[in-house]
Protein backbone atom coordinates (compact mmCIF):
# COMPACT_ATOMS: atom_id res chain seq x y z
CA UNK A 1 -14.89 7.30 7.18
CA UNK A 2 -17.86 6.89 4.38
CA UNK A 3 -17.52 4.04 1.19
CA UNK A 4 -16.75 6.70 -1.21
CA UNK A 5 -13.41 7.12 1.34
CA UNK A 6 -13.16 4.10 1.42
CA UNK A 7 -12.88 3.16 -2.63
CA UNK A 8 -11.04 6.05 -3.09
CA UNK A 9 -7.97 4.64 -0.96
CA UNK A 10 -8.27 2.04 -2.71
CA UNK A 11 -8.47 3.51 -5.95
CA UNK A 12 -4.23 3.94 -5.77
CA UNK A 13 -2.34 0.80 -7.64
CA UNK A 14 0.46 0.95 -5.06
CA UNK A 15 -1.97 1.25 -2.12
CA UNK A 16 -4.33 -2.02 -3.44
CA UNK A 17 -1.62 -3.92 -4.08
CA UNK A 18 0.65 -3.02 -0.38
CA UNK A 19 -3.22 -4.02 1.39
CA UNK A 20 -3.18 -7.14 0.01
CA UNK A 21 0.48 -8.18 0.09
CA UNK A 22 -0.16 -6.79 4.18
CA UNK A 23 -3.30 -10.00 4.26
CA UNK A 24 -1.58 -12.20 2.55
CA UNK A 25 2.35 -12.10 4.13
CA UNK A 26 1.56 -10.69 7.42
CA UNK A 27 3.34 -7.99 8.86
CA UNK A 28 5.47 -6.19 6.02
CA UNK A 29 8.40 -3.18 6.61
CA UNK A 30 8.87 -1.44 4.02
CA UNK A 31 11.85 -2.54 2.77
CA UNK A 32 9.77 -5.81 2.03
CA UNK A 33 7.22 -3.65 0.15
CA UNK A 34 9.94 -1.76 -2.30
CA UNK A 35 11.00 -5.04 -3.19
CA UNK A 36 7.87 -6.73 -4.16
CA UNK A 37 6.47 -4.18 -5.99
CA UNK A 38 9.56 -2.27 -7.64
CA UNK A 39 9.07 0.75 -5.67
CA UNK A 40 10.99 3.29 -4.06
CA UNK A 41 11.13 3.88 -0.21
CA UNK A 42 8.95 6.45 -0.80
CA UNK A 43 6.66 5.75 -2.96
CA UNK A 44 6.25 3.04 -0.50
CA UNK A 45 5.55 5.02 2.39
CA UNK A 46 4.52 8.12 0.39
CA UNK A 47 1.31 6.01 -0.24
CA UNK A 48 0.11 5.80 3.52
CA UNK A 49 0.29 9.18 4.21
CA UNK A 50 -1.95 11.11 2.25
């Protein structure tokens, strides 16, 4: 992965906030991310599948 690809991944707000939450809290399930980010399950899961 190039530096550009890495920063492009972090340009997605939901992905960045999810990553920051996981770093702060440790392992989280999708339902916990959904609640913390006020996002749907599909959005939380789809964010990491790209």
